[in-house]
Amino acid sequence: MTIQDLVGTFSIVGSNQDATDNSYKGTLCLSLNEDKRIVAKWTINSTEYQYGTGFFKNNILVINFYYKGLENKTYKGVVVYKCIHRDVLEGFWSEKHGNPNFLGTENCFRVKNTKIILN
């Protein structure tokens, strides 16, 4: 698998870095910058946006991310994805100030273009 194989949009399902059963859904868009590094943008529950950059080696994708939270405070973390194949990523993540006893999880499934057939 190459880094170019990862470019595209993924549907995500994840769980937060805490002891609750809080989960979330959204999308992850992956692109490449001029240095062939991953550029990521997450849309979480249609209301929260997160951004990151990362690198890819041996079917492992690592992205440092950040987002603006309450009171315009910036939160940072890292997510690590195992690339099962070009359409499925299995990951875990942690924020700098998150609960150190837990990791968040995130699974990504490529959104494929579908053709609608009209009768």
Protein backbone atom coordinates (compact mmCIF):
# COMPACT_ATOMS: atom_id res chain seq x y z
CA MET A 1 0.00 0.00 0.00
CA THR A 2 1.24 3.51 -0.78
CA ILE A 3 0.41 6.85 0.79
CA GLN A 4 -1.51 7.79 -2.38
CA ASP A 5 -3.87 4.85 -1.74
CA LEU A 6 -5.13 6.59 1.42
CA VAL A 7 -6.36 9.77 -0.26
CA GLY A 8 -10.15 10.05 -0.06
CA THR A 9 -13.11 10.32 2.28
CA PHE A 10 -13.91 7.89 5.07
CA SER A 11 -16.93 7.40 7.27
CA ILE A 12 -15.81 7.13 10.91
CA VAL A 13 -17.15 5.58 14.10
CA GLY A 14 -15.26 6.21 17.31
CA SER A 15 -15.28 6.24 21.08
CA ASN A 16 -13.92 8.96 23.35
CA GLN A 17 -10.88 8.84 25.64
CA ASP A 18 -12.81 8.28 28.85
CA ALA A 19 -14.69 5.68 30.90
CA THR A 20 -18.09 6.46 29.36
CA ASP A 21 -19.78 4.78 26.46
CA ASN A 22 -19.76 8.08 24.53
CA SER A 23 -19.33 7.40 20.86
CA TYR A 24 -19.29 9.60 17.79
CA LYS A 25 -19.70 9.43 14.03
CA GLY A 26 -18.44 11.60 11.24
CA THR A 27 -16.13 11.80 8.27
CA LEU A 28 -12.40 11.91 7.71
CA CYS A 29 -10.98 13.46 4.53
CA LEU A 30 -7.37 12.58 3.69
CA SER A 31 -5.28 14.41 1.10
CA LEU A 32 -1.58 14.96 0.40
CA ASN A 33 0.40 18.17 0.64
CA GLU A 34 3.30 19.16 -1.63
CA ASP A 35 5.73 17.18 0.57
CA LYS A 36 3.64 13.98 0.22
CA ARG A 37 2.51 14.20 3.85
CA ILE A 38 -1.03 13.35 4.88
CA VAL A 39 -3.39 16.26 5.52
CA ALA A 40 -6.47 15.27 7.54
CA LYS A 41 -9.78 16.95 8.29
CA TRP A 42 -12.37 15.33 10.55
CA THR A 43 -15.99 16.37 10.87
CA ILE A 44 -17.34 14.95 14.13
CA ASN A 45 -21.12 14.70 14.71
CA SER A 46 -21.62 17.36 12.00
CA THR A 47 -20.56 20.13 14.44
CA GLU A 48 -16.90 19.77 15.36
CA TYR A 49 -13.89 20.10 13.06
CA GLN A 50 -10.44 18.71 13.69
CA TYR A 51 -7.30 19.07 11.58
CA GLY A 52 -3.99 17.29 11.35
CA THR A 53 -0.92 16.28 9.42
CA GLY A 54 0.90 12.99 9.43
CA PHE A 55 3.02 10.36 7.81
CA PHE A 56 2.69 6.78 6.59
CA LYS A 57 5.06 3.80 6.81
CA ASN A 58 4.63 0.00 6.86
CA ASN A 59 0.83 0.32 6.63
CA ILE A 60 0.74 2.52 9.73
CA LEU A 61 -0.67 6.06 9.48
CA VAL A 62 0.19 8.52 12.29
CA ILE A 63 -1.51 11.93 12.46
CA ASN A 64 -0.95 14.76 14.92
CA PHE A 65 -4.28 16.57 15.27
CA TYR A 66 -5.75 19.65 16.89
CA TYR A 67 -9.12 21.35 17.33
CA LYS A 68 -10.65 24.36 19.03
CA GLY A 69 -12.79 23.46 22.02
CA LEU A 70 -14.71 25.42 24.60
CA GLU A 71 -13.65 29.01 25.17
CA ASN A 72 -11.59 28.79 21.94
CA LYS A 73 -8.97 26.60 23.69
CA THR A 74 -6.80 24.46 21.37
CA TYR A 75 -6.63 20.74 22.12
CA LYS A 76 -3.94 18.49 20.61
CA GLY A 77 -3.38 14.77 20.26
CA VAL A 78 -2.19 11.93 18.09
CA VAL A 79 -4.05 9.15 16.26
CA VAL A 80 -2.47 5.94 14.99
CA TYR A 81 -4.23 3.92 12.30
CA LYS A 82 -3.43 0.40 11.19
CA CYS A 83 -4.29 0.30 7.49
CA ILE A 84 -6.10 -3.01 7.07
CA HIS A 85 -6.42 -2.21 3.36
CA ARG A 86 -7.01 0.96 1.37
CA ASP A 87 -10.69 1.05 2.39
CA VAL A 88 -10.47 0.23 6.12
CA LEU A 89 -8.42 1.93 8.84
CA GLU A 90 -8.43 0.78 12.47
CA GLY A 91 -7.13 3.29 14.99
CA PHE A 92 -6.63 4.55 18.49
CA TRP A 93 -5.95 8.06 19.74
CA SER A 94 -5.02 10.14 22.75
CA GLU A 95 -5.22 13.84 23.58
CA LYS A 96 -2.52 15.63 25.53
CA HIS A 97 -4.87 16.50 28.39
CA GLY A 98 -7.16 13.46 28.07
CA ASN A 99 -7.57 10.77 30.70
CA PRO A 100 -4.24 8.85 30.60
CA ASN A 101 -6.01 5.66 31.72
CA PHE A 102 -7.93 5.39 28.43
CA LEU A 103 -7.43 5.55 24.69
CA GLY A 104 -10.04 6.66 22.21
CA THR A 105 -10.78 4.38 19.26
CA GLU A 106 -11.71 5.14 15.68
CA ASN A 107 -12.57 2.93 12.73
CA CYS A 108 -12.71 4.36 9.22
CA PHE A 109 -14.47 2.98 6.13
CA ARG A 110 -13.91 4.50 2.70
CA VAL A 111 -16.90 6.27 1.21
CA LYS A 112 -17.24 5.02 -2.32
CA ASN A 113 -19.03 6.83 -5.08
CA THR A 114 -22.31 5.17 -5.82
CA LYS A 115 -24.33 5.53 -8.96
CA ILE A 116 -28.05 5.98 -8.55
CA ILE A 117 -30.08 4.19 -11.20
CA LEU A 118 -33.39 5.84 -11.99
CA ASN A 119 -36.27 3.82 -13.39
